[in-house]
Amino acid sequence: METVKQFIVLEVKNLKETLYFYEGILGITPSSERPQLDITGVWYDTDSTRISFVMNRSLGGREKSVTDSVDVLTFSISNIGNVKKRLVFYKIAYTENKSEKSIVVQDPDGYKLQVIEKDE
């Protein structure tokens, strides 16, 4: 893992949904270097960026938005084909980029993700 140079903290409405989406559907592993803080959340490392998803107890209804703070998050994964199959299975819409092996999808909180297949 590269040295973390950038930290992004994003609020989520339902941490369980967030965990399932990022780990179960996208196959991303949480950071092993999560700081021991008294905060309910999960940390993911992508290149030199650490993204922290933390609970926001005041965001209860679906009508409220947490997406104003970030434009696009980028994650590199090893097999984009498997991710696309899981997205189709769970009926999650995505857009495929033709110029490179990547897709754009929204997570359960509406954050836009670019998922790129990394070269092995």
C-alpha atoms as a PDB file:
ATOM      1  CA  MET A   1       0.000   0.000   0.000  1.00  0.00           C
ATOM      2  CA  GLU A   2       1.209   3.463  -0.869  1.00  0.00           C
ATOM      3  CA  THR A   3       1.610   6.120   1.788  1.00  0.00           C
ATOM      4  CA  VAL A   4      -1.749   7.756   2.408  1.00  0.00           C
ATOM      5  CA  LYS A   5      -1.585  11.346   1.181  1.00  0.00           C
ATOM      6  CA  GLN A   6      -5.250  12.262   1.000  1.00  0.00           C
ATOM      7  CA  PHE A   7      -8.092  11.574   3.422  1.00  0.00           C
ATOM      8  CA  ILE A   8     -11.767  11.745   2.471  1.00  0.00           C
ATOM      9  CA  VAL A   9     -14.509  11.380   5.087  1.00  0.00           C
ATOM     10  CA  LEU A  10     -18.024  10.726   3.801  1.00  0.00           C
ATOM     11  CA  GLU A  11     -21.239  10.339   5.751  1.00  0.00           C
ATOM     12  CA  VAL A  12     -23.566   7.400   5.137  1.00  0.00           C
ATOM     13  CA  LYS A  13     -27.131   6.662   6.202  1.00  0.00           C
ATOM     14  CA  ASN A  14     -26.766   2.899   6.653  1.00  0.00           C
ATOM     15  CA  LEU A  15     -23.305   1.481   7.329  1.00  0.00           C
ATOM     16  CA  LYS A  16     -24.488  -2.105   6.817  1.00  0.00           C
ATOM     17  CA  GLU A  17     -25.627  -1.277   3.246  1.00  0.00           C
ATOM     18  CA  THR A  18     -22.345   0.532   2.603  1.00  0.00           C
ATOM     19  CA  LEU A  19     -20.278  -2.445   3.813  1.00  0.00           C
ATOM     20  CA  TYR A  20     -22.286  -4.874   1.722  1.00  0.00           C
ATOM     21  CA  PHE A  21     -21.976  -2.740  -1.412  1.00  0.00           C
ATOM     22  CA  TYR A  22     -18.234  -2.068  -1.205  1.00  0.00           C
ATOM     23  CA  GLU A  23     -17.155  -5.456   0.125  1.00  0.00           C
ATOM     24  CA  GLY A  24     -19.845  -7.853  -1.094  1.00  0.00           C
ATOM     25  CA  ILE A  25     -20.571  -6.400  -4.526  1.00  0.00           C
ATOM     26  CA  LEU A  26     -17.397  -4.505  -5.473  1.00  0.00           C
ATOM     27  CA  GLY A  27     -15.053  -6.868  -3.594  1.00  0.00           C
ATOM     28  CA  ILE A  28     -13.066  -4.085  -1.909  1.00  0.00           C
ATOM     29  CA  THR A  29     -11.270  -4.949   1.336  1.00  0.00           C
ATOM     30  CA  PRO A  30     -11.326  -2.540   4.301  1.00  0.00           C
ATOM     31  CA  SER A  31      -8.053  -0.928   5.320  1.00  0.00           C
ATOM     32  CA  SER A  32      -5.981  -2.929   7.785  1.00  0.00           C
ATOM     33  CA  GLU A  33      -4.660   0.370   9.139  1.00  0.00           C
ATOM     34  CA  ARG A  34      -7.951   1.715  10.499  1.00  0.00           C
ATOM     35  CA  PRO A  35      -7.250   4.150  13.324  1.00  0.00           C
ATOM     36  CA  GLN A  36      -8.746   3.216  16.688  1.00  0.00           C
ATOM     37  CA  LEU A  37     -11.299   5.986  16.964  1.00  0.00           C
ATOM     38  CA  ASP A  38     -14.633   6.038  18.751  1.00  0.00           C
ATOM     39  CA  ILE A  39     -16.445   6.489  15.433  1.00  0.00           C
ATOM     40  CA  THR A  40     -18.785   4.029  13.751  1.00  0.00           C
ATOM     41  CA  GLY A  41     -17.415   3.626  10.255  1.00  0.00           C
ATOM     42  CA  VAL A  42     -15.213   1.783   7.792  1.00  0.00           C
ATOM     43  CA  TRP A  43     -11.984   2.818   6.068  1.00  0.00           C
ATOM     44  CA  TYR A  44     -10.925   1.843   2.533  1.00  0.00           C
ATOM     45  CA  ASP A  45      -7.581   2.601   0.875  1.00  0.00           C
ATOM     46  CA  THR A  46      -7.373   3.259  -2.844  1.00  0.00           C
ATOM     47  CA  ASP A  47      -3.894   4.098  -4.081  1.00  0.00           C
ATOM     48  CA  SER A  48      -2.716   7.000  -1.900  1.00  0.00           C
ATOM     49  CA  THR A  49      -6.225   7.979  -0.744  1.00  0.00           C
ATOM     50  CA  ARG A  50      -8.002   6.747   2.388  1.00  0.00           C
ATOM     51  CA  ILE A  51     -11.788   6.983   2.183  1.00  0.00           C
ATOM     52  CA  SER A  52     -13.677   6.806   5.466  1.00  0.00           C
ATOM     53  CA  PHE A  53     -17.403   6.141   5.506  1.00  0.00           C
ATOM     54  CA  VAL A  54     -18.911   7.179   8.836  1.00  0.00           C
ATOM     55  CA  MET A  55     -22.429   6.988  10.195  1.00  0.00           C
ATOM     56  CA  ASN A  56     -24.522  10.124  10.261  1.00  0.00           C
ATOM     57  CA  ARG A  57     -27.342   9.455  12.661  1.00  0.00           C
ATOM     58  CA  SER A  58     -29.214  12.594  11.585  1.00  0.00           C
ATOM     59  CA  LEU A  59     -29.693  11.285   8.022  1.00  0.00           C
ATOM     60  CA  GLY A  60     -32.636   8.984   8.493  1.00  0.00           C
ATOM     61  CA  GLY A  61     -34.837   9.510   5.473  1.00  0.00           C
ATOM     62  CA  ARG A  62     -34.043   8.725   1.869  1.00  0.00           C
ATOM     63  CA  GLU A  63     -35.088  12.234   0.895  1.00  0.00           C
ATOM     64  CA  LYS A  64     -31.983  13.678   2.511  1.00  0.00           C
ATOM     65  CA  SER A  65     -28.727  13.719   0.584  1.00  0.00           C
ATOM     66  CA  VAL A  66     -25.122  13.203   1.588  1.00  0.00           C
ATOM     67  CA  THR A  67     -23.683  13.563  -1.915  1.00  0.00           C
ATOM     68  CA  ASP A  68     -22.809  17.260  -1.950  1.00  0.00           C
ATOM     69  CA  SER A  69     -19.285  16.748  -0.611  1.00  0.00           C
ATOM     70  CA  VAL A  70     -17.644  14.693  -3.383  1.00  0.00           C
ATOM     71  CA  ASP A  71     -17.800  14.421  -7.168  1.00  0.00           C
ATOM     72  CA  VAL A  72     -16.391  10.988  -8.088  1.00  0.00           C
ATOM     73  CA  LEU A  73     -14.509   8.331  -6.102  1.00  0.00           C
ATOM     74  CA  THR A  74     -12.143   6.037  -8.009  1.00  0.00           C
ATOM     75  CA  PHE A  75     -11.390   2.436  -7.064  1.00  0.00           C
ATOM     76  CA  SER A  76      -9.100  -0.026  -8.851  1.00  0.00           C
ATOM     77  CA  ILE A  77     -10.106  -3.685  -8.802  1.00  0.00           C
ATOM     78  CA  SER A  78      -8.663  -6.843 -10.324  1.00  0.00           C
ATOM     79  CA  ASN A  79     -11.688  -8.248 -12.207  1.00  0.00           C
ATOM     80  CA  ILE A  80     -14.307  -5.815 -13.464  1.00  0.00           C
ATOM     81  CA  GLY A  81     -16.209  -8.627 -15.210  1.00  0.00           C
ATOM     82  CA  ASN A  82     -17.132 -10.214 -11.873  1.00  0.00           C
ATOM     83  CA  VAL A  83     -18.264  -6.850 -10.505  1.00  0.00           C
ATOM     84  CA  LYS A  84     -20.481  -6.262 -13.546  1.00  0.00           C
ATOM     85  CA  LYS A  85     -22.095  -9.692 -13.062  1.00  0.00           C
ATOM     86  CA  ARG A  86     -22.882  -8.888  -9.411  1.00  0.00           C
ATOM     87  CA  LEU A  87     -24.284  -5.464 -10.344  1.00  0.00           C
ATOM     88  CA  VAL A  88     -26.579  -7.074 -12.931  1.00  0.00           C
ATOM     89  CA  PHE A  89     -27.645  -9.779 -10.447  1.00  0.00           C
ATOM     90  CA  TYR A  90     -28.592  -7.160  -7.836  1.00  0.00           C
ATOM     91  CA  LYS A  91     -30.195  -4.913 -10.502  1.00  0.00           C
ATOM     92  CA  ILE A  92     -27.818  -2.025  -9.838  1.00  0.00           C
ATOM     93  CA  ALA A  93     -27.470   0.282 -12.843  1.00  0.00           C
ATOM     94  CA  TYR A  94     -24.028   1.226 -14.120  1.00  0.00           C
ATOM     95  CA  THR A  95     -22.524   2.957 -17.144  1.00  0.00           C
ATOM     96  CA  GLU A  96     -19.687   1.358 -19.049  1.00  0.00           C
ATOM     97  CA  ASN A  97     -16.839   3.553 -20.295  1.00  0.00           C
ATOM     98  CA  LYS A  98     -15.675   2.470 -23.743  1.00  0.00           C
ATOM     99  CA  SER A  99     -12.264   4.170 -23.647  1.00  0.00           C
ATOM    100  CA  GLU A 100     -10.925   2.047 -20.802  1.00  0.00           C
ATOM    101  CA  LYS A 101     -11.928  -0.953 -18.739  1.00  0.00           C
ATOM    102  CA  SER A 102     -14.052   0.973 -16.279  1.00  0.00           C
ATOM    103  CA  ILE A 103     -17.609   1.562 -15.158  1.00  0.00           C
ATOM    104  CA  VAL A 104     -19.429   4.297 -13.291  1.00  0.00           C
ATOM    105  CA  VAL A 105     -21.935   3.307 -10.599  1.00  0.00           C
ATOM    106  CA  GLN A 106     -23.626   4.938  -7.612  1.00  0.00           C
ATOM    107  CA  ASP A 107     -23.357   3.473  -4.126  1.00  0.00           C
ATOM    108  CA  PRO A 108     -26.369   3.209  -1.755  1.00  0.00           C
ATOM    109  CA  ASP A 109     -25.840   6.818  -0.605  1.00  0.00           C
ATOM    110  CA  GLY A 110     -25.632   8.215  -4.119  1.00  0.00           C
ATOM    111  CA  TYR A 111     -21.856   8.702  -4.219  1.00  0.00           C
ATOM    112  CA  LYS A 112     -20.613   8.289  -7.796  1.00  0.00           C
ATOM    113  CA  LEU A 113     -17.817   5.746  -8.245  1.00  0.00           C
ATOM    114  CA  GLN A 114     -15.520   5.057 -11.135  1.00  0.00           C
ATOM    115  CA  VAL A 115     -14.383   1.449 -10.905  1.00  0.00           C
ATOM    116  CA  ILE A 116     -11.316   0.678 -13.023  1.00  0.00           C
ATOM    117  CA  GLU A 117      -9.792  -2.715 -13.739  1.00  0.00           C
ATOM    118  CA  LYS A 118      -6.161  -2.564 -12.680  1.00  0.00           C
ATOM    119  CA  ASP A 119      -3.392  -4.162 -14.683  1.00  0.00           C
ATOM    120  CA  GLU A 120      -1.976  -7.176 -12.911  1.00  0.00           C
END
